[in-house]
Amino acid sequence: MRLKDVKIGFALTASFCTLGEVVKHMEKLVQEGAEIYPIMTQTIGSTDTKYGKADEWRTKLEELTGHTIIDNIVAAEPIGPGKLVDVIVIAPCTGNTLAKLANGITDGPVLMSAKAQLRNQRPVVIAISTNDGLGLNARNLGTLLNTRNIYMVPFGQDNPKGKPNSLVAKMDLMLETIEYALKGHQIQPVLAKYD
């Protein structure tokens, strides 16, 4: 087991179209021995979409991990002082969350968990999924690429002709990115090619 006894705070943001794929990779992390503490934005916890109902996502995550979802700032804040997890993974990480993290805004449980982790100089892994990664959010991405203790799941343009500013992480590289981050290294190459 590649992640035996590793505690992961797994934070999901509202890129609803990628939630299904992300949950499959969470399952792989559990199979590799990780103990996962689910964290979600209030938007995921309360919004029904064509990709699933909020209650269904909550139930699925709690059954998969065996832990109650952290879904508010008060519940996320102890992650820092208690050093409760070895790594925080934000996947999918929307452009909104990316921008807030790059600018020090802490207005929800996902951002509080990342802030709490970074204050202890512990790793935060980001798997982006945003339609404006090469647009207005490019500068925020650049900031985070150069921020200590932040590691990126390799990403690329998922649809350069139809959505030229869109960037999505290669979720199948999440496990390896976490392993590298736990050793203080960024997996390379960061820029991935989509087929």
C-alpha atoms as a PDB file:
ATOM      1  CA  MET A   1       0.000   0.000   0.000  1.00  0.00           C
ATOM      2  CA  ARG A   2       1.559   3.208  -1.194  1.00  0.00           C
ATOM      3  CA  LEU A   3      -0.248   5.544   1.227  1.00  0.00           C
ATOM      4  CA  LYS A   4      -0.503   3.370   4.327  1.00  0.00           C
ATOM      5  CA  ASP A   5      -1.247   5.506   7.400  1.00  0.00           C
ATOM      6  CA  VAL A   6      -1.223   8.756   5.378  1.00  0.00           C
ATOM      7  CA  LYS A   7      -3.977  11.140   6.498  1.00  0.00           C
ATOM      8  CA  ILE A   8      -5.446  13.191   3.669  1.00  0.00           C
ATOM      9  CA  GLY A   9      -7.820  16.117   3.972  1.00  0.00           C
ATOM     10  CA  PHE A  10      -9.623  15.816   0.649  1.00  0.00           C
ATOM     11  CA  ALA A  11     -11.354  19.066  -0.297  1.00  0.00           C
ATOM     12  CA  LEU A  12     -13.882  19.245  -3.132  1.00  0.00           C
ATOM     13  CA  THR A  13     -15.015  22.441  -4.831  1.00  0.00           C
ATOM     14  CA  ALA A  14     -17.855  23.062  -7.255  1.00  0.00           C
ATOM     15  CA  SER A  15     -16.534  21.880 -10.591  1.00  0.00           C
ATOM     16  CA  PHE A  16     -19.537  19.575 -10.694  1.00  0.00           C
ATOM     17  CA  CYS A  17     -18.671  17.997 -14.056  1.00  0.00           C
ATOM     18  CA  THR A  18     -15.457  16.475 -12.643  1.00  0.00           C
ATOM     19  CA  LEU A  19     -16.781  15.240  -9.272  1.00  0.00           C
ATOM     20  CA  GLY A  20     -17.465  11.713 -10.522  1.00  0.00           C
ATOM     21  CA  GLU A  21     -13.914  11.274 -11.786  1.00  0.00           C
ATOM     22  CA  VAL A  22     -12.439  12.780  -8.628  1.00  0.00           C
ATOM     23  CA  VAL A  23     -14.395  10.400  -6.389  1.00  0.00           C
ATOM     24  CA  LYS A  24     -13.009   7.437  -8.377  1.00  0.00           C
ATOM     25  CA  HIS A  25      -9.515   8.660  -7.545  1.00  0.00           C
ATOM     26  CA  MET A  26     -10.472   9.076  -3.897  1.00  0.00           C
ATOM     27  CA  GLU A  27     -11.438   5.399  -3.952  1.00  0.00           C
ATOM     28  CA  LYS A  28      -7.967   4.538  -5.259  1.00  0.00           C
ATOM     29  CA  LEU A  29      -6.363   6.535  -2.443  1.00  0.00           C
ATOM     30  CA  VAL A  30      -8.409   4.594   0.104  1.00  0.00           C
ATOM     31  CA  GLN A  31      -7.370   1.327  -1.566  1.00  0.00           C
ATOM     32  CA  GLU A  32      -3.742   2.446  -1.215  1.00  0.00           C
ATOM     33  CA  GLY A  33      -4.195   2.775   2.549  1.00  0.00           C
ATOM     34  CA  ALA A  34      -4.942   6.494   2.960  1.00  0.00           C
ATOM     35  CA  GLU A  35      -7.291   7.718   5.645  1.00  0.00           C
ATOM     36  CA  ILE A  36      -9.381  10.454   4.055  1.00  0.00           C
ATOM     37  CA  TYR A  37     -11.175  13.284   5.815  1.00  0.00           C
ATOM     38  CA  PRO A  38     -13.688  14.750   3.331  1.00  0.00           C
ATOM     39  CA  ILE A  39     -14.039  18.529   3.085  1.00  0.00           C
ATOM     40  CA  MET A  40     -16.482  20.269   0.782  1.00  0.00           C
ATOM     41  CA  THR A  41     -17.601  23.746  -0.084  1.00  0.00           C
ATOM     42  CA  GLN A  42     -21.031  24.833   1.038  1.00  0.00           C
ATOM     43  CA  THR A  43     -22.005  24.977  -2.654  1.00  0.00           C
ATOM     44  CA  ILE A  44     -21.417  21.253  -3.196  1.00  0.00           C
ATOM     45  CA  GLY A  45     -23.126  20.456   0.079  1.00  0.00           C
ATOM     46  CA  SER A  46     -26.299  22.284  -0.894  1.00  0.00           C
ATOM     47  CA  THR A  47     -26.623  22.276  -4.703  1.00  0.00           C
ATOM     48  CA  ASP A  48     -28.367  19.652  -6.828  1.00  0.00           C
ATOM     49  CA  THR A  49     -27.148  19.510 -10.434  1.00  0.00           C
ATOM     50  CA  LYS A  50     -27.423  17.206 -13.436  1.00  0.00           C
ATOM     51  CA  TYR A  51     -24.233  15.588 -12.109  1.00  0.00           C
ATOM     52  CA  GLY A  52     -25.865  14.539  -8.841  1.00  0.00           C
ATOM     53  CA  LYS A  53     -27.806  15.665  -5.819  1.00  0.00           C
ATOM     54  CA  ALA A  54     -26.037  17.277  -2.860  1.00  0.00           C
ATOM     55  CA  ASP A  55     -27.305  14.629  -0.421  1.00  0.00           C
ATOM     56  CA  GLU A  56     -26.079  11.841  -2.701  1.00  0.00           C
ATOM     57  CA  TRP A  57     -22.566  13.328  -2.838  1.00  0.00           C
ATOM     58  CA  ARG A  58     -22.525  13.727   0.947  1.00  0.00           C
ATOM     59  CA  THR A  59     -23.628  10.139   1.536  1.00  0.00           C
ATOM     60  CA  LYS A  60     -21.158   8.742  -0.992  1.00  0.00           C
ATOM     61  CA  LEU A  61     -18.204  10.633   0.522  1.00  0.00           C
ATOM     62  CA  GLU A  62     -19.044   9.691   4.101  1.00  0.00           C
ATOM     63  CA  GLU A  63     -19.515   6.027   3.196  1.00  0.00           C
ATOM     64  CA  LEU A  64     -16.255   5.970   1.227  1.00  0.00           C
ATOM     65  CA  THR A  65     -14.153   7.625   3.913  1.00  0.00           C
ATOM     66  CA  GLY A  66     -15.883   6.657   7.145  1.00  0.00           C
ATOM     67  CA  HIS A  67     -15.681  10.280   8.304  1.00  0.00           C
ATOM     68  CA  THR A  68     -18.204  13.077   8.651  1.00  0.00           C
ATOM     69  CA  ILE A  69     -17.801  15.798   6.048  1.00  0.00           C
ATOM     70  CA  ILE A  70     -16.105  19.006   7.120  1.00  0.00           C
ATOM     71  CA  ASP A  71     -18.397  21.602   5.602  1.00  0.00           C
ATOM     72  CA  ASN A  72     -17.913  24.793   7.591  1.00  0.00           C
ATOM     73  CA  ILE A  73     -15.075  27.055   8.706  1.00  0.00           C
ATOM     74  CA  VAL A  74     -15.402  26.166  12.391  1.00  0.00           C
ATOM     75  CA  ALA A  75     -14.953  22.450  11.654  1.00  0.00           C
ATOM     76  CA  ALA A  76     -11.998  23.096   9.309  1.00  0.00           C
ATOM     77  CA  GLU A  77     -10.034  25.438  11.591  1.00  0.00           C
ATOM     78  CA  PRO A  78      -8.643  22.709  13.950  1.00  0.00           C
ATOM     79  CA  ILE A  79      -6.767  21.102  11.037  1.00  0.00           C
ATOM     80  CA  GLY A  80      -3.934  23.597  11.601  1.00  0.00           C
ATOM     81  CA  PRO A  81      -3.436  23.621  15.378  1.00  0.00           C
ATOM     82  CA  GLY A  82      -4.037  19.875  15.649  1.00  0.00           C
ATOM     83  CA  LYS A  83      -1.915  18.977  12.623  1.00  0.00           C
ATOM     84  CA  LEU A  84      -4.698  16.557  11.793  1.00  0.00           C
ATOM     85  CA  VAL A  85      -3.647  15.610   8.245  1.00  0.00           C
ATOM     86  CA  ASP A  86      -0.398  14.989   6.382  1.00  0.00           C
ATOM     87  CA  VAL A  87      -1.594  16.588   3.152  1.00  0.00           C
ATOM     88  CA  ILE A  88      -4.590  18.555   1.889  1.00  0.00           C
ATOM     89  CA  VAL A  89      -5.787  17.769  -1.634  1.00  0.00           C
ATOM     90  CA  ILE A  90      -8.089  20.257  -3.360  1.00  0.00           C
ATOM     91  CA  ALA A  91      -9.725  18.402  -6.242  1.00  0.00           C
ATOM     92  CA  PRO A  92     -11.388  19.594  -8.280  1.00  0.00           C
ATOM     93  CA  CYS A  93     -10.073  23.099  -7.623  1.00  0.00           C
ATOM     94  CA  THR A  94     -12.192  25.710  -9.386  1.00  0.00           C
ATOM     95  CA  GLY A  95     -10.847  29.003 -10.668  1.00  0.00           C
ATOM     96  CA  ASN A  96     -12.770  30.733  -7.891  1.00  0.00           C
ATOM     97  CA  THR A  97     -10.993  28.697  -5.202  1.00  0.00           C
ATOM     98  CA  LEU A  98      -7.669  29.094  -7.015  1.00  0.00           C
ATOM     99  CA  ALA A  99      -8.060  32.898  -7.035  1.00  0.00           C
ATOM    100  CA  LYS A 100      -9.066  33.086  -3.393  1.00  0.00           C
ATOM    101  CA  LEU A 101      -6.181  30.872  -2.269  1.00  0.00           C
ATOM    102  CA  ALA A 102      -3.670  32.914  -4.291  1.00  0.00           C
ATOM    103  CA  ASN A 103      -4.968  36.107  -2.673  1.00  0.00           C
ATOM    104  CA  GLY A 104      -5.241  34.896   0.922  1.00  0.00           C
ATOM    105  CA  ILE A 105      -9.039  34.827   1.106  1.00  0.00           C
ATOM    106  CA  THR A 106     -10.450  32.369   3.616  1.00  0.00           C
ATOM    107  CA  ASP A 107     -14.228  32.326   3.358  1.00  0.00           C
ATOM    108  CA  GLY A 108     -15.144  28.652   3.494  1.00  0.00           C
ATOM    109  CA  PRO A 109     -14.085  25.233   4.754  1.00  0.00           C
ATOM    110  CA  VAL A 110     -11.869  24.331   1.784  1.00  0.00           C
ATOM    111  CA  LEU A 111      -9.868  27.549   1.977  1.00  0.00           C
ATOM    112  CA  MET A 112      -9.679  27.359   5.776  1.00  0.00           C
ATOM    113  CA  SER A 113      -8.325  23.809   5.569  1.00  0.00           C
ATOM    114  CA  ALA A 114      -5.666  24.907   3.046  1.00  0.00           C
ATOM    115  CA  LYS A 115      -4.724  27.925   5.180  1.00  0.00           C
ATOM    116  CA  ALA A 116      -4.569  25.729   8.285  1.00  0.00           C
ATOM    117  CA  GLN A 117      -2.267  23.287   6.499  1.00  0.00           C
ATOM    118  CA  LEU A 118       0.007  25.956   5.030  1.00  0.00           C
ATOM    119  CA  ARG A 119       0.456  27.683   8.384  1.00  0.00           C
ATOM    120  CA  ASN A 120       2.209  24.498   9.517  1.00  0.00           C
ATOM    121  CA  GLN A 121       4.313  24.396   6.341  1.00  0.00           C
ATOM    122  CA  ARG A 122       2.654  21.172   5.263  1.00  0.00           C
ATOM    123  CA  PRO A 123       1.754  20.220   1.675  1.00  0.00           C
ATOM    124  CA  VAL A 124      -1.347  21.248  -0.234  1.00  0.00           C
ATOM    125  CA  VAL A 125      -1.959  19.470  -3.547  1.00  0.00           C
ATOM    126  CA  ILE A 126      -4.142  21.206  -6.130  1.00  0.00           C
ATOM    127  CA  ALA A 127      -5.914  19.525  -9.059  1.00  0.00           C
ATOM    128  CA  ILE A 128      -7.331  22.394 -11.079  1.00  0.00           C
ATOM    129  CA  SER A 129     -10.482  22.338 -13.148  1.00  0.00           C
ATOM    130  CA  THR A 130     -11.238  25.800 -14.470  1.00  0.00           C
ATOM    131  CA  ASN A 131     -12.468  27.396 -17.669  1.00  0.00           C
ATOM    132  CA  ASP A 132     -10.274  30.464 -17.138  1.00  0.00           C
ATOM    133  CA  GLY A 133      -6.890  29.002 -16.186  1.00  0.00           C
ATOM    134  CA  LEU A 134      -5.276  30.751 -19.141  1.00  0.00           C
ATOM    135  CA  GLY A 135      -7.538  33.796 -18.816  1.00  0.00           C
ATOM    136  CA  LEU A 136      -7.989  36.006 -15.776  1.00  0.00           C
ATOM    137  CA  ASN A 137      -6.864  33.196 -13.484  1.00  0.00           C
ATOM    138  CA  ALA A 138      -3.492  32.726 -15.191  1.00  0.00           C
ATOM    139  CA  ARG A 139      -1.831  35.163 -12.788  1.00  0.00           C
ATOM    140  CA  ASN A 140      -3.301  33.327  -9.777  1.00  0.00           C
ATOM    141  CA  LEU A 141      -2.060  30.026 -11.154  1.00  0.00           C
ATOM    142  CA  GLY A 142       1.389  31.593 -11.574  1.00  0.00           C
ATOM    143  CA  THR A 143       1.322  32.789  -7.973  1.00  0.00           C
ATOM    144  CA  LEU A 144       0.460  29.339  -6.646  1.00  0.00           C
ATOM    145  CA  LEU A 145       3.012  27.593  -8.865  1.00  0.00           C
ATOM    146  CA  ASN A 146       5.614  29.679  -7.026  1.00  0.00           C
ATOM    147  CA  THR A 147       4.202  29.267  -3.520  1.00  0.00           C
ATOM    148  CA  ARG A 148       6.031  27.079  -1.054  1.00  0.00           C
ATOM    149  CA  ASN A 149       4.249  23.875   0.022  1.00  0.00           C
ATOM    150  CA  ILE A 150       1.746  24.015  -2.849  1.00  0.00           C
ATOM    151  CA  TYR A 151       2.021  21.223  -5.392  1.00  0.00           C
ATOM    152  CA  MET A 152       0.078  20.849  -8.625  1.00  0.00           C
ATOM    153  CA  VAL A 153      -1.342  17.726 -10.154  1.00  0.00           C
ATOM    154  CA  PRO A 154      -0.065  18.036 -13.749  1.00  0.00           C
ATOM    155  CA  PHE A 155      -2.582  19.877 -15.902  1.00  0.00           C
ATOM    156  CA  GLY A 156      -3.223  20.869 -19.480  1.00  0.00           C
ATOM    157  CA  GLN A 157      -5.703  22.286 -21.956  1.00  0.00           C
ATOM    158  CA  ASP A 158      -8.533  19.795 -22.110  1.00  0.00           C
ATOM    159  CA  ASN A 159     -10.202  21.462 -25.118  1.00  0.00           C
ATOM    160  CA  PRO A 160      -7.872  24.032 -26.724  1.00  0.00           C
ATOM    161  CA  LYS A 161     -10.086  24.665 -29.747  1.00  0.00           C
ATOM    162  CA  GLY A 162     -13.456  24.853 -28.014  1.00  0.00           C
ATOM    163  CA  LYS A 163     -12.327  26.345 -24.679  1.00  0.00           C
ATOM    164  CA  PRO A 164      -8.825  27.785 -25.167  1.00  0.00           C
ATOM    165  CA  ASN A 165      -8.543  29.157 -21.605  1.00  0.00           C
ATOM    166  CA  SER A 166      -9.662  25.941 -19.911  1.00  0.00           C
ATOM    167  CA  LEU A 167      -7.216  23.893 -17.806  1.00  0.00           C
ATOM    168  CA  VAL A 168      -7.899  20.544 -16.165  1.00  0.00           C
ATOM    169  CA  ALA A 169      -5.606  18.395 -14.039  1.00  0.00           C
ATOM    170  CA  LYS A 170      -4.730  14.867 -15.121  1.00  0.00           C
ATOM    171  CA  MET A 171      -6.552  13.245 -12.223  1.00  0.00           C
ATOM    172  CA  ASP A 172      -4.866   9.906 -12.905  1.00  0.00           C
ATOM    173  CA  LEU A 173      -1.613  11.521 -11.671  1.00  0.00           C
ATOM    174  CA  MET A 174      -3.108  12.476  -8.302  1.00  0.00           C
ATOM    175  CA  LEU A 175      -1.605   9.559  -6.354  1.00  0.00           C
ATOM    176  CA  GLU A 176       1.901  10.178  -7.681  1.00  0.00           C
ATOM    177  CA  THR A 177       1.579  13.921  -7.059  1.00  0.00           C
ATOM    178  CA  ILE A 178       0.638  13.249  -3.433  1.00  0.00           C
ATOM    179  CA  GLU A 179       3.611  10.913  -3.003  1.00  0.00           C
ATOM    180  CA  TYR A 180       5.991  13.549  -4.370  1.00  0.00           C
ATOM    181  CA  ALA A 181       4.402  16.324  -2.282  1.00  0.00           C
ATOM    182  CA  LEU A 182       4.816  14.322   0.915  1.00  0.00           C
ATOM    183  CA  LYS A 183       8.548  14.283   0.124  1.00  0.00           C
ATOM    184  CA  GLY A 184       8.570  18.029  -0.610  1.00  0.00           C
ATOM    185  CA  HIS A 185       8.839  17.736  -4.400  1.00  0.00           C
ATOM    186  CA  GLN A 186       6.707  18.787  -7.360  1.00  0.00           C
ATOM    187  CA  ILE A 187       6.030  15.961  -9.799  1.00  0.00           C
ATOM    188  CA  GLN A 188       7.270  16.784 -13.297  1.00  0.00           C
ATOM    189  CA  PRO A 189       6.354  17.692 -15.903  1.00  0.00           C
ATOM    190  CA  VAL A 190       3.655  20.011 -14.561  1.00  0.00           C
ATOM    191  CA  LEU A 191       2.278  20.743 -18.021  1.00  0.00           C
ATOM    192  CA  ALA A 192       0.534  17.683 -19.395  1.00  0.00           C
ATOM    193  CA  LYS A 193      -0.821  16.990 -22.850  1.00  0.00           C
ATOM    194  CA  TYR A 194      -4.395  15.890 -23.346  1.00  0.00           C
ATOM    195  CA  ASP A 195      -5.086  13.406 -26.135  1.00  0.00           C
END
